[in-house]
């Protein structure tokens, strides 16, 4: 027997989820039901298995990487983790 579950979420989140579900070829109800089944079965919640950096962060990292390639003299190279700990003054 099926029942109706009413939840409050942001409209944009719902719309985005519906679009993605449709692109995958399933209704959003199937996605939510599957997630609830997994939650009940595993008794745990997984929010993200593969975090994806925002495009702005990737651009920032690429800028830093390019600068490091062009000007390696500006950056310290460490060969041992102990040296990094010392440089950051993290020793106990």
Foldseek 3Di string as FASTA:
>chain_A
DDDDDDDDDDPVVVVVLQVVCVVVPHGSVVVVVVQVVCCVVVVDDDDDPDDDDDPVVVVVVVVVVVVCVVCVVVDDDDDDVVVVCVVVVVDD
